[in-house]
Amino acid sequence: MKEEDVNRCQIQEWYPKFKSVSIRTFIHELPESFVQYLLDDSGPFLLPASISNEDAFPNRIHNPEEEEDYQVSEGSGDEAEALSAPCFPELELKIKESIETLGAAIFPKLNWSAPKDSAWISTSGTLRCTTFSEIALLLRSSDSLIHDLCHAYDSCSDKTMSRPPKFFLALRKWYPRFQPEMEFRCFVKGQKLVGISQREVTTFYPVLCEKKNKVEVLIEEFFNDNVRVKFESDDYTFDVYVTEDERVK
């Protein structure tokens, strides 16, 4: 695998080519200060201060008596400064506008990866986000995103860097009726589709036994018409979703 192959798989690179057959997405370049915030594990876990007063846990009950132990006591200026939450007002405003345009709910991902391993910490147990604070919570809590941030090129035979020069946050429209059994991972070798598997591998879906042949035909046609001619790499994987009306995204 070469660096150019890894770079082609960044969402800000491939999405413009496949926008017409993909999930609607808005992509924002992240300031380096936010990237460093995601990487910083030297201090306490602090979510960014929201200029909109949004809360990553909007339904929690605040009990001032129980929170007394966690309040910052009056002390040195250095101590208070160390515990002050970071703030990214320009990024928050851009993200808020995109979320509203995408129907008030999105799921986030960086250049390559989504924070699936931190879904447990959200109020819904999913990657569904409606605010900047919820996005920051998922990103900051994810261990899998360290791959994007620090190790993206580790498997490259011509590795010259450990991270891309810029990071991007992709906000993808959230579909509440999404059926995990209809998402598939496709494997390409030598620009030929050589394998298709269900993306959700922890569950057996009997319906797939009935739809197997039809799904295979739909995905193969989609690959030949939309992917093979547009994606330059020889060997790669891509994910698709088959809708109820037999459209492939």
Protein backbone atom coordinates (compact mmCIF):
# COMPACT_ATOMS: atom_id res chain seq x y z
CA MET A 1 0.00 0.00 0.00
CA LYS A 2 1.24 3.48 -0.92
CA GLU A 3 0.60 6.84 0.72
CA GLU A 4 -1.35 7.95 -2.35
CA ASP A 5 -3.77 5.04 -1.84
CA VAL A 6 -4.34 6.01 1.79
CA ASN A 7 -4.86 9.65 0.82
CA ARG A 8 -7.50 8.74 -1.77
CA CYS A 9 -9.53 7.09 1.00
CA GLN A 10 -9.91 10.32 3.00
CA ILE A 11 -13.52 11.43 2.91
CA GLN A 12 -12.65 14.96 1.75
CA GLU A 13 -10.95 13.35 -1.26
CA TRP A 14 -13.51 10.73 -2.31
CA TYR A 15 -16.80 12.37 -1.34
CA PRO A 16 -16.79 15.04 -4.09
CA LYS A 17 -16.46 12.25 -6.69
CA PHE A 18 -19.32 10.22 -5.26
CA LYS A 19 -21.54 12.98 -3.88
CA SER A 20 -24.48 12.07 -6.14
CA VAL A 21 -24.56 8.46 -4.88
CA SER A 22 -23.55 9.01 -1.27
CA ILE A 23 -25.03 10.20 2.03
CA ARG A 24 -25.30 13.99 2.14
CA THR A 25 -22.24 15.32 3.93
CA PHE A 26 -20.70 18.63 4.97
CA ILE A 27 -16.94 18.72 5.51
CA HIS A 28 -15.08 21.22 7.70
CA GLU A 29 -11.33 21.69 7.98
CA LEU A 30 -10.31 21.45 11.62
CA PRO A 31 -8.03 24.08 13.16
CA GLU A 32 -4.80 22.65 14.51
CA SER A 33 -5.80 23.83 17.99
CA PHE A 34 -8.80 21.46 17.90
CA VAL A 35 -6.62 18.59 16.66
CA GLN A 36 -4.25 19.16 19.58
CA TYR A 37 -7.26 19.24 21.91
CA LEU A 38 -8.25 15.76 20.70
CA LEU A 39 -4.70 14.50 21.26
CA ASP A 40 -4.15 16.05 24.66
CA ASP A 41 -4.43 13.52 27.48
CA SER A 42 -2.19 15.33 29.96
CA GLY A 43 -4.95 16.93 32.00
CA PRO A 44 -8.57 16.40 33.02
CA PHE A 45 -11.21 15.45 30.48
CA LEU A 46 -12.81 18.80 29.58
CA LEU A 47 -15.37 19.40 26.86
CA PRO A 48 -15.05 22.67 24.96
CA ALA A 49 -16.96 25.63 26.37
CA SER A 50 -20.02 26.12 24.17
CA ILE A 51 -20.85 29.61 22.98
CA SER A 52 -24.43 28.37 22.53
CA ASN A 53 -24.60 26.88 26.04
CA GLU A 54 -25.17 23.44 24.53
CA ASP A 55 -24.72 20.40 26.75
CA ALA A 56 -23.46 17.01 25.59
CA PHE A 57 -25.76 15.48 28.23
CA PRO A 58 -28.91 17.63 27.92
CA ASN A 59 -31.12 15.29 29.95
CA ARG A 60 -28.89 14.92 32.98
CA ILE A 61 -30.08 16.21 36.37
CA HIS A 62 -27.77 18.71 37.99
CA ASN A 63 -27.48 18.38 41.76
CA PRO A 64 -25.40 21.25 43.16
CA GLU A 65 -24.88 19.44 46.48
CA GLU A 66 -23.34 16.40 44.77
CA GLU A 67 -21.19 18.59 42.52
CA GLU A 68 -19.60 20.60 45.32
CA ASP A 69 -16.62 18.25 45.48
CA TYR A 70 -15.89 18.87 41.82
CA GLN A 71 -16.00 22.66 41.87
CA VAL A 72 -12.72 24.49 41.43
CA SER A 73 -11.77 26.08 44.72
CA GLU A 74 -10.24 29.50 44.92
CA GLY A 75 -6.53 29.12 44.54
CA SER A 76 -3.65 30.11 42.38
CA GLY A 77 -4.23 31.57 38.95
CA ASP A 78 -2.22 28.75 37.42
CA GLU A 79 -4.58 26.15 38.90
CA ALA A 80 -7.68 27.92 37.62
CA GLU A 81 -6.13 28.43 34.20
CA ALA A 82 -5.19 24.75 33.92
CA LEU A 83 -8.82 23.73 34.43
CA SER A 84 -10.38 26.24 32.06
CA ALA A 85 -12.21 24.62 29.15
CA PRO A 86 -11.01 25.33 25.59
CA CYS A 87 -13.32 27.15 23.20
CA PHE A 88 -13.65 26.94 19.41
CA PRO A 89 -16.33 29.52 18.54
CA GLU A 90 -15.78 29.70 14.76
CA LEU A 91 -15.79 25.92 14.36
CA GLU A 92 -18.85 25.57 16.60
CA LEU A 93 -20.85 28.10 14.56
CA LYS A 94 -19.98 26.39 11.26
CA ILE A 95 -20.91 22.99 12.66
CA LYS A 96 -24.17 24.27 14.11
CA GLU A 97 -25.18 25.68 10.71
CA SER A 98 -24.34 22.41 8.96
CA ILE A 99 -26.30 20.33 11.48
CA GLU A 100 -29.38 22.50 10.97
CA THR A 101 -29.07 22.18 7.19
CA LEU A 102 -28.76 18.38 7.41
CA GLY A 103 -32.01 18.00 9.33
CA ALA A 104 -30.87 18.62 12.94
CA ALA A 105 -28.97 15.33 13.40
CA ILE A 106 -25.71 13.95 11.99
CA PHE A 107 -23.01 11.37 12.64
CA PRO A 108 -19.37 12.53 12.61
CA LYS A 109 -16.14 11.13 11.27
CA LEU A 110 -12.62 12.38 10.66
CA ASN A 111 -10.58 11.91 7.46
CA TRP A 112 -10.96 8.13 7.57
CA SER A 113 -12.67 6.93 10.74
CA ALA A 114 -15.85 7.41 12.75
CA PRO A 115 -15.74 7.25 16.58
CA LYS A 116 -17.78 4.04 16.75
CA ASP A 117 -15.94 2.83 19.84
CA SER A 118 -17.22 5.79 21.88
CA ALA A 119 -20.92 5.49 20.97
CA TRP A 120 -21.58 4.04 24.43
CA ILE A 121 -20.87 7.40 26.08
CA SER A 122 -23.58 9.31 24.21
CA THR A 123 -27.09 9.68 25.63
CA SER A 124 -28.52 7.57 22.79
CA GLY A 125 -25.78 4.94 22.66
CA THR A 126 -25.25 5.80 18.98
CA LEU A 127 -23.21 8.25 16.90
CA ARG A 128 -26.23 10.52 16.49
CA CYS A 129 -25.27 14.10 17.32
CA THR A 130 -27.29 17.31 17.38
CA THR A 131 -24.73 19.70 18.88
CA PHE A 132 -21.05 20.58 18.72
CA SER A 133 -20.66 19.44 22.34
CA GLU A 134 -21.95 15.95 21.52
CA ILE A 135 -19.52 15.71 18.59
CA ALA A 136 -16.60 16.80 20.75
CA LEU A 137 -17.57 14.23 23.40
CA LEU A 138 -17.52 11.36 20.89
CA LEU A 139 -14.28 12.45 19.22
CA ARG A 140 -12.42 13.07 22.47
CA SER A 141 -13.59 9.74 23.93
CA SER A 142 -12.58 7.62 20.95
CA ASP A 143 -9.45 5.49 20.92
CA SER A 144 -9.95 4.40 17.31
CA LEU A 145 -9.49 7.97 16.06
CA ILE A 146 -5.90 7.85 17.27
CA HIS A 147 -5.28 5.87 14.08
CA ASP A 148 -6.34 8.86 12.00
CA LEU A 149 -4.47 11.33 14.19
CA CYS A 150 -1.16 9.49 14.58
CA HIS A 151 -0.88 6.23 12.62
CA ALA A 152 -2.64 6.67 9.27
CA TYR A 153 0.45 5.81 7.21
CA ASP A 154 2.00 3.10 9.37
CA SER A 155 1.32 0.35 6.80
CA CYS A 156 2.59 2.29 3.79
CA SER A 157 5.67 0.93 2.01
CA ASP A 158 6.71 4.48 1.08
CA LYS A 159 5.86 6.10 4.42
CA THR A 160 7.21 9.64 4.76
CA MET A 161 4.87 11.03 7.43
CA SER A 162 2.77 9.86 10.37
CA ARG A 163 -0.23 12.17 9.86
CA PRO A 164 -1.78 14.22 7.07
CA PRO A 165 -1.05 17.96 7.03
CA LYS A 166 -4.73 18.75 7.61
CA PHE A 167 -7.62 17.06 9.37
CA PHE A 168 -11.27 17.33 8.43
CA LEU A 169 -14.54 16.72 10.24
CA ALA A 170 -17.27 15.21 8.09
CA LEU A 171 -20.87 15.64 9.23
CA ARG A 172 -23.08 13.02 7.59
CA LYS A 173 -26.87 13.16 7.59
CA TRP A 174 -28.44 10.89 10.21
CA TYR A 175 -31.11 8.45 8.99
CA PRO A 176 -33.23 7.10 11.88
CA ARG A 177 -34.61 4.24 9.74
CA PHE A 178 -31.16 2.95 8.85
CA GLN A 179 -31.11 -0.87 8.75
CA PRO A 180 -27.68 -2.27 9.68
CA GLU A 181 -28.30 -5.55 7.88
CA MET A 182 -28.40 -3.68 4.56
CA GLU A 183 -24.92 -2.17 4.87
CA PHE A 184 -22.16 -4.09 3.12
CA ARG A 185 -18.39 -3.98 2.84
CA CYS A 186 -17.04 -4.60 -0.64
CA PHE A 187 -13.53 -5.79 -1.50
CA VAL A 188 -11.73 -4.79 -4.69
CA LYS A 189 -8.58 -6.51 -5.97
CA GLY A 190 -6.97 -5.47 -9.24
CA GLN A 191 -9.95 -3.16 -9.92
CA LYS A 192 -12.29 -6.16 -9.76
CA LEU A 193 -15.01 -6.69 -7.15
CA VAL A 194 -13.97 -9.95 -5.50
CA GLY A 195 -16.03 -10.06 -2.30
CA ILE A 196 -19.07 -8.66 -0.46
CA SER A 197 -19.83 -9.16 3.23
CA GLN A 198 -22.33 -7.75 5.69
CA ARG A 199 -20.89 -4.72 7.51
CA GLU A 200 -22.51 -5.60 10.85
CA VAL A 201 -20.78 -8.86 11.69
CA THR A 202 -22.10 -9.48 15.21
CA THR A 203 -25.61 -10.50 14.17
CA PHE A 204 -27.13 -13.08 11.83
CA TYR A 205 -29.87 -11.67 9.59
CA PRO A 206 -32.04 -14.41 8.00
CA VAL A 207 -33.40 -11.90 5.47
CA LEU A 208 -29.97 -11.72 3.84
CA CYS A 209 -30.22 -15.39 2.84
CA GLU A 210 -33.33 -14.53 0.84
CA LYS A 211 -31.90 -11.34 -0.69
CA LYS A 212 -28.34 -12.54 -1.28
CA ASN A 213 -28.49 -12.96 -5.07
CA LYS A 214 -30.41 -9.75 -5.67
CA VAL A 215 -28.09 -7.72 -3.43
CA GLU A 216 -25.05 -9.14 -5.19
CA VAL A 217 -26.37 -8.05 -8.60
CA LEU A 218 -27.29 -4.57 -7.35
CA ILE A 219 -23.89 -3.96 -5.77
CA GLU A 220 -21.95 -5.32 -8.74
CA GLU A 221 -23.87 -3.05 -11.13
CA PHE A 222 -23.28 -0.10 -8.80
CA PHE A 223 -19.56 -0.83 -8.65
CA ASN A 224 -19.18 -1.08 -12.42
CA ASP A 225 -21.26 2.03 -13.11
CA ASN A 226 -20.12 4.35 -10.32
CA VAL A 227 -16.98 3.24 -8.48
CA ARG A 228 -14.57 1.35 -10.72
CA VAL A 229 -14.32 4.12 -13.30
CA LYS A 230 -13.84 6.90 -10.72
CA PHE A 231 -11.51 5.47 -8.09
CA GLU A 232 -7.86 5.21 -9.18
CA SER A 233 -6.48 2.61 -6.75
CA ASP A 234 -6.23 -1.06 -7.72
CA ASP A 235 -6.93 -2.61 -4.31
CA TYR A 236 -9.33 -1.14 -1.74
CA THR A 237 -12.57 -1.62 0.18
CA PHE A 238 -15.71 0.49 0.11
CA ASP A 239 -19.00 0.39 1.99
CA VAL A 240 -22.48 0.58 0.49
CA TYR A 241 -26.03 0.70 1.75
CA VAL A 242 -28.96 -0.85 -0.11
CA THR A 243 -32.24 1.00 0.42
CA GLU A 244 -35.70 -0.52 0.64
CA ASP A 245 -36.40 0.54 -2.96
CA GLU A 246 -33.20 -1.23 -4.09
CA ARG A 247 -31.03 1.83 -4.61
CA VAL A 248 -27.35 1.58 -3.67
CA LYS A 249 -25.56 4.40 -1.82
